[in-house]
Amino acid sequence: MVNTVKQSVSDILITADGPKGPACEVKEGSVRLARKTGSVIVPVAWKGSRVKILEKTWDGFKIPIPFSSVTFKYGSPLVIPQTLSSEDEAGFNHLLTEAILEAGK
């Protein structure tokens, strides 16, 4: 992933709570990737006017229904210092969690 980000000329999107959850709990991967690549994290939240909720998934995955409106909200960019120690990443995980929740309001 680090090589892909460093070689890419476009942006990437990562679901910060990971593929297995729990939902809305930021895992260490997003912050660690940003630290190793010098990337900036921009928190994003979305809301659809009409959505299908997949009840059997661990996170209640939502899919916008065709022709519904979707609104995106962006939080302030979060810069992760490349000199950050692995032990201090947890503090930035907490900041990212708060930024995502704030963007979702």
Protein backbone atom coordinates (compact mmCIF):
# COMPACT_ATOMS: atom_id res chain seq x y z
CA MET A 1 0.00 0.00 0.00
CA VAL A 2 2.86 2.37 0.85
CA ASN A 3 4.43 1.84 -2.59
CA THR A 4 1.08 2.35 -4.32
CA VAL A 5 0.46 5.64 -2.52
CA LYS A 6 3.99 6.90 -3.19
CA GLN A 7 3.74 6.04 -6.91
CA SER A 8 0.16 7.23 -7.37
CA VAL A 9 -0.73 10.65 -8.75
CA SER A 10 -4.31 10.42 -7.53
CA ASP A 11 -6.02 10.25 -4.18
CA ILE A 12 -7.07 7.09 -2.37
CA LEU A 13 -10.03 6.39 -0.12
CA ILE A 14 -9.77 4.15 2.92
CA THR A 15 -12.55 3.14 5.26
CA ALA A 16 -10.79 3.88 8.51
CA ASP A 17 -12.72 1.32 10.56
CA GLY A 18 -11.26 -1.49 8.49
CA PRO A 19 -12.92 -4.45 6.81
CA LYS A 20 -13.93 -6.22 10.02
CA GLY A 21 -14.93 -3.46 12.44
CA PRO A 22 -16.18 -2.60 14.87
CA ALA A 23 -17.96 0.15 12.99
CA CYS A 24 -16.79 3.74 13.54
CA GLU A 25 -13.63 2.63 15.36
CA VAL A 26 -10.57 3.89 13.51
CA LYS A 27 -7.86 1.27 13.08
CA GLU A 28 -4.14 2.04 12.98
CA GLY A 29 -3.73 1.53 9.21
CA SER A 30 -4.89 4.96 7.98
CA VAL A 31 -2.67 6.93 10.34
CA ARG A 32 0.29 4.60 9.81
CA LEU A 33 -0.03 4.86 6.02
CA ALA A 34 -0.22 8.67 6.19
CA ARG A 35 2.84 8.78 8.46
CA LYS A 36 4.90 6.53 6.19
CA THR A 37 3.93 8.32 2.95
CA GLY A 38 3.60 11.94 4.07
CA SER A 39 -0.03 11.94 2.93
CA VAL A 40 -2.71 14.17 4.43
CA ILE A 41 -5.91 12.59 5.76
CA VAL A 42 -9.16 14.31 4.84
CA PRO A 43 -12.11 12.94 6.85
CA VAL A 44 -15.20 12.31 4.71
CA ALA A 45 -18.74 11.40 5.70
CA TRP A 46 -21.75 10.84 3.46
CA LYS A 47 -25.50 10.63 3.86
CA GLY A 48 -28.06 9.46 1.32
CA SER A 49 -31.67 10.63 1.16
CA ARG A 50 -32.69 7.01 0.56
CA VAL A 51 -30.42 4.08 1.37
CA LYS A 52 -30.56 0.31 1.49
CA ILE A 53 -29.10 -0.96 4.78
CA LEU A 54 -27.53 -4.40 4.63
CA GLU A 55 -28.72 -5.75 7.97
CA LYS A 56 -26.54 -8.87 7.98
CA THR A 57 -23.23 -7.00 7.71
CA TRP A 58 -21.18 -6.15 10.80
CA ASP A 59 -21.45 -2.41 10.14
CA GLY A 60 -24.97 -2.07 8.74
CA PHE A 61 -23.45 -1.20 5.34
CA LYS A 62 -25.46 1.44 3.47
CA ILE A 63 -25.92 1.68 -0.28
CA PRO A 64 -27.63 4.73 -1.81
CA ILE A 65 -30.73 3.83 -3.78
CA PRO A 66 -30.55 4.91 -7.45
CA PHE A 67 -31.72 8.48 -8.07
CA SER A 68 -31.55 9.42 -4.39
CA SER A 69 -29.45 12.42 -3.41
CA VAL A 70 -26.14 11.93 -1.63
CA THR A 71 -24.43 14.60 0.46
CA PHE A 72 -20.73 14.52 1.29
CA LYS A 73 -19.13 16.45 4.14
CA TYR A 74 -15.41 16.97 4.50
CA GLY A 75 -13.53 17.64 7.70
CA SER A 76 -10.35 19.62 8.16
CA PRO A 77 -7.24 17.91 6.76
CA LEU A 78 -5.22 16.03 9.35
CA VAL A 79 -1.44 16.15 8.88
CA ILE A 80 0.41 13.24 10.45
CA PRO A 81 4.04 14.05 11.30
CA GLN A 82 6.43 11.58 9.66
CA THR A 83 8.51 11.71 12.85
CA LEU A 84 5.57 10.40 14.89
CA SER A 85 6.42 7.31 16.90
CA SER A 86 4.35 4.17 16.53
CA GLU A 87 3.33 4.54 20.19
CA ASP A 88 1.88 8.02 19.53
CA GLU A 89 -0.25 6.88 16.58
CA ALA A 90 -3.11 6.02 18.97
CA GLY A 91 -3.56 9.72 19.75
CA PHE A 92 -3.94 10.50 16.06
CA ASN A 93 -6.36 7.58 15.66
CA HIS A 94 -8.50 9.29 18.30
CA LEU A 95 -8.22 12.66 16.48
CA LEU A 96 -9.24 11.00 13.22
CA THR A 97 -12.23 9.33 14.90
CA GLU A 98 -13.40 12.69 16.24
CA ALA A 99 -12.86 14.37 12.85
CA ILE A 100 -14.92 11.72 11.05
CA LEU A 101 -17.73 11.95 13.59
CA GLU A 102 -17.70 15.76 13.30
CA ALA A 103 -17.81 15.60 9.49
CA GLY A 104 -20.81 13.27 9.76
CA LYS A 105 -22.90 15.75 11.74
